[in-house]
Amino acid sequence: MTAEMKAAGAPDPRTDPPPCASERETLLAFLDYQRRTLELKCAGLTATALGTRAVLPSGLSLLGLVRHLGDVERFWVRTCLAGDPAPPLYWGPDGNDTDFDFPEPDDRMVELPLAAWKAETAFADAALGSEPLERAVEAGHHGMVSVRWILVHLIEEYSRHNGHADLLRECLDGTVGE
C-alpha cells in the first residue's frame, strides 16, 4: 500500500461535499468523496488481499476495481474530453478489458495500478476543473455527451463499485462502513 493510504481504524480521510456550493464544486466534491471511499476500502490490505476475489463466483477484487476505475477515468476524461488517443491501460489484444484478470498480485503489481489510477484522477481533476459543464464531446457509441454528464457518470461508476468494494472488504476482514 502507499503511504497515503490510511490504515484500517484510522480517521476517515474523506471530506463531506459542501451542502451549498456551485454545481461544479458540488459535482467535483462528490467525485472526490467517492474516490476517497475506494481508497479507504483498500487501506491497510496486503497485495494478496487486494487481489482476492472474495465474493465468489464473481471475479471482482479491490485491485480489479482500482484498475477498472483508472481505465474509466482514462476513457471518459483523457480520451473523450481531452481527445488523447491513449489506449486503455488494461485491455487485451482481443479487444476485451482485463481489469480483473491478473496473476497473483505482489507489492509491485499493486503499486503500478494505484499509481496509474492516481495519475488518471489527477489528469481528470485538472481537465474537469476548467471545462464548461455544457461542452459536448464525442464519446464513441455513447454519442455526444456533456462534461456535466461525464462528471455524473464518473460519480455513478464510483458509487456502484464502492458498493462492491464494501462487500469485498467485509468478506476479506470484516471491515464495514458507509
Protein backbone atom coordinates (compact mmCIF):
# COMPACT_ATOMS: atom_id res chain seq x y z
CA MET A 1 0.00 0.00 0.00
CA THR A 2 1.10 3.56 -0.49
CA ALA A 3 1.93 5.81 2.42
CA GLU A 4 -1.11 7.95 1.66
CA MET A 5 -3.46 5.01 2.24
CA LYS A 6 -4.79 5.14 5.79
CA ALA A 7 -4.68 2.03 7.94
CA ALA A 8 -7.98 0.47 8.94
CA GLY A 9 -9.29 2.18 12.05
CA ALA A 10 -7.54 5.47 11.24
CA PRO A 11 -9.57 8.67 10.96
CA ASP A 12 -11.74 8.91 7.87
CA PRO A 13 -9.72 10.77 5.18
CA ARG A 14 -12.85 11.85 3.29
CA THR A 15 -14.34 15.34 3.33
CA ASP A 16 -18.09 15.64 3.04
CA PRO A 17 -19.20 17.54 -0.06
CA PRO A 18 -20.34 21.08 0.76
CA PRO A 19 -24.11 21.37 1.23
CA CYS A 20 -24.29 24.74 -0.56
CA ALA A 21 -21.86 25.26 -3.43
CA SER A 22 -21.81 25.82 -7.16
CA GLU A 23 -22.77 22.97 -9.45
CA ARG A 24 -19.15 22.32 -10.43
CA GLU A 25 -17.90 22.41 -6.83
CA THR A 26 -20.66 20.05 -5.77
CA LEU A 27 -20.01 17.55 -8.56
CA LEU A 28 -16.23 17.61 -8.08
CA ALA A 29 -16.62 17.22 -4.31
CA PHE A 30 -18.90 14.19 -4.72
CA LEU A 31 -16.45 12.65 -7.19
CA ASP A 32 -13.59 13.22 -4.75
CA TYR A 33 -15.61 11.71 -1.91
CA GLN A 34 -16.27 8.57 -3.95
CA ARG A 35 -12.60 8.27 -4.92
CA ARG A 36 -11.53 8.59 -1.27
CA THR A 37 -14.11 5.94 -0.38
CA LEU A 38 -12.45 3.47 -2.76
CA GLU A 39 -9.08 4.38 -1.27
CA LEU A 40 -10.44 3.77 2.23
CA LYS A 41 -11.80 0.36 1.22
CA CYS A 42 -8.32 -0.63 0.02
CA ALA A 43 -6.44 0.80 3.00
CA GLY A 44 -4.27 -1.45 5.13
CA LEU A 45 -4.58 -4.56 2.98
CA THR A 46 -1.79 -6.71 1.59
CA ALA A 47 -1.27 -7.20 -2.12
CA THR A 48 -2.75 -10.68 -1.80
CA ALA A 49 -5.88 -9.37 -0.08
CA LEU A 50 -6.33 -6.61 -2.67
CA GLY A 51 -6.21 -9.20 -5.43
CA THR A 52 -8.52 -11.69 -3.71
CA ARG A 53 -11.79 -12.47 -5.43
CA ALA A 54 -13.70 -12.58 -2.14
CA VAL A 55 -17.30 -12.80 -3.37
CA LEU A 56 -17.43 -15.96 -5.46
CA PRO A 57 -18.38 -16.73 -8.14
CA SER A 58 -17.71 -13.10 -9.04
CA GLY A 59 -14.26 -12.26 -10.35
CA LEU A 60 -14.31 -8.86 -8.62
CA SER A 61 -11.43 -7.80 -6.41
CA LEU A 62 -10.44 -4.48 -4.87
CA LEU A 63 -7.35 -4.36 -7.10
CA GLY A 64 -9.56 -5.05 -10.11
CA LEU A 65 -11.84 -2.18 -9.10
CA VAL A 66 -8.86 0.20 -8.88
CA ARG A 67 -7.70 -0.94 -12.32
CA HIS A 68 -11.22 -0.64 -13.75
CA LEU A 69 -11.87 2.83 -12.36
CA GLY A 70 -8.47 4.04 -13.58
CA ASP A 71 -9.48 2.98 -17.08
CA VAL A 72 -12.95 4.50 -16.67
CA GLU A 73 -11.41 7.89 -15.83
CA ARG A 74 -8.87 7.46 -18.63
CA PHE A 75 -11.58 6.79 -21.23
CA TRP A 76 -14.06 9.48 -20.24
CA VAL A 77 -11.63 12.28 -19.46
CA ARG A 78 -8.35 11.64 -21.24
CA THR A 79 -9.80 10.07 -24.39
CA CYS A 80 -13.25 11.64 -24.79
CA LEU A 81 -12.85 15.04 -23.14
CA ALA A 82 -9.19 15.78 -23.87
CA GLY A 83 -9.07 13.98 -27.22
CA ASP A 84 -5.97 11.99 -26.28
CA PRO A 85 -5.99 8.66 -28.16
CA ALA A 86 -4.25 6.93 -25.23
CA PRO A 87 -5.12 3.23 -25.27
CA PRO A 88 -6.85 1.63 -22.29
CA LEU A 89 -4.49 0.52 -19.54
CA TYR A 90 -5.99 -2.94 -19.14
CA TRP A 91 -7.15 -4.20 -22.49
CA GLY A 92 -6.37 -7.48 -24.13
CA PRO A 93 -5.37 -7.95 -27.78
CA ASP A 94 -8.82 -9.47 -28.37
CA GLY A 95 -10.49 -6.13 -27.53
CA ASN A 96 -11.81 -7.21 -24.14
CA ASP A 97 -10.94 -5.45 -20.91
CA THR A 98 -8.62 -7.21 -18.49
CA ASP A 99 -9.27 -5.07 -15.39
CA PHE A 100 -9.95 -8.14 -13.28
CA ASP A 101 -7.52 -10.53 -14.97
CA PHE A 102 -4.10 -10.68 -13.37
CA PRO A 103 -1.77 -13.20 -11.78
CA GLU A 104 -1.28 -13.46 -8.01
CA PRO A 105 -0.53 -9.84 -7.07
CA ASP A 106 2.65 -8.78 -5.31
CA ASP A 107 3.51 -5.34 -3.96
CA ARG A 108 4.77 -4.09 -7.35
CA MET A 109 1.63 -5.37 -9.09
CA VAL A 110 -0.42 -3.29 -6.65
CA GLU A 111 1.78 -0.18 -6.79
CA LEU A 112 1.56 0.16 -10.59
CA PRO A 113 -2.27 0.22 -10.84
CA LEU A 114 -2.52 2.52 -7.81
CA ALA A 115 -0.04 4.92 -9.42
CA ALA A 116 -1.89 4.73 -12.75
CA TRP A 117 -5.22 5.37 -11.00
CA LYS A 118 -3.72 8.38 -9.16
CA ALA A 119 -2.31 9.72 -12.45
CA GLU A 120 -5.69 9.41 -14.16
CA THR A 121 -7.54 11.07 -11.28
CA ALA A 122 -5.04 13.95 -11.26
CA PHE A 123 -5.42 14.37 -15.02
CA ALA A 124 -9.20 14.28 -14.65
CA ASP A 125 -9.18 16.84 -11.84
CA ALA A 126 -7.18 19.26 -13.96
CA ALA A 127 -9.38 18.78 -17.02
CA LEU A 128 -12.74 18.74 -15.24
CA GLY A 129 -11.92 21.76 -13.12
CA SER A 130 -11.91 24.16 -16.05
CA GLU A 131 -14.09 22.76 -18.84
CA PRO A 132 -17.54 24.32 -19.28
CA LEU A 133 -20.12 21.84 -17.96
CA GLU A 134 -22.20 22.34 -21.11
CA ARG A 135 -19.37 21.47 -23.50
CA ALA A 136 -20.30 18.39 -25.53
CA VAL A 137 -17.77 15.82 -26.70
CA GLU A 138 -17.94 12.69 -28.83
CA ALA A 139 -17.94 9.52 -26.75
CA GLY A 140 -17.91 6.66 -29.24
CA HIS A 141 -21.09 4.59 -29.21
CA HIS A 142 -22.48 6.85 -26.44
CA GLY A 143 -22.73 9.71 -28.95
CA MET A 144 -22.36 13.29 -27.79
CA VAL A 145 -22.19 13.83 -24.03
CA SER A 146 -21.62 16.94 -21.92
CA VAL A 147 -18.87 17.48 -19.38
CA ARG A 148 -21.67 17.53 -16.79
CA TRP A 149 -22.79 14.07 -17.97
CA ILE A 150 -19.21 12.77 -17.72
CA LEU A 151 -18.93 14.03 -14.14
CA VAL A 152 -22.24 12.48 -13.12
CA HIS A 153 -21.29 9.24 -14.86
CA LEU A 154 -17.96 9.08 -13.01
CA ILE A 155 -19.78 9.61 -9.70
CA GLU A 156 -22.22 6.84 -10.65
CA GLU A 157 -19.40 4.44 -11.58
CA TYR A 158 -17.59 5.01 -8.30
CA SER A 159 -20.78 4.79 -6.26
CA ARG A 160 -21.77 1.46 -7.82
CA HIS A 161 -18.32 -0.03 -7.49
CA ASN A 162 -17.88 1.26 -3.95
CA GLY A 163 -20.88 -0.88 -3.08
CA HIS A 164 -18.94 -3.82 -4.49
CA ALA A 165 -15.89 -2.69 -2.53
CA ASP A 166 -17.95 -2.69 0.69
CA LEU A 167 -18.86 -6.33 0.17
CA LEU A 168 -15.34 -7.34 -0.82
CA ARG A 169 -13.76 -5.65 2.19
CA GLU A 170 -16.29 -7.16 4.61
CA CYS A 171 -15.58 -10.62 3.21
CA LEU A 172 -11.81 -10.08 3.46
CA ASP A 173 -11.51 -8.92 7.06
CA GLY A 174 -14.93 -7.99 8.42
CA THR A 175 -14.39 -4.24 8.00
CA VAL A 176 -17.68 -2.48 7.27
CA GLY A 177 -18.54 1.14 6.70
CA GLU A 178 -20.60 3.52 4.67
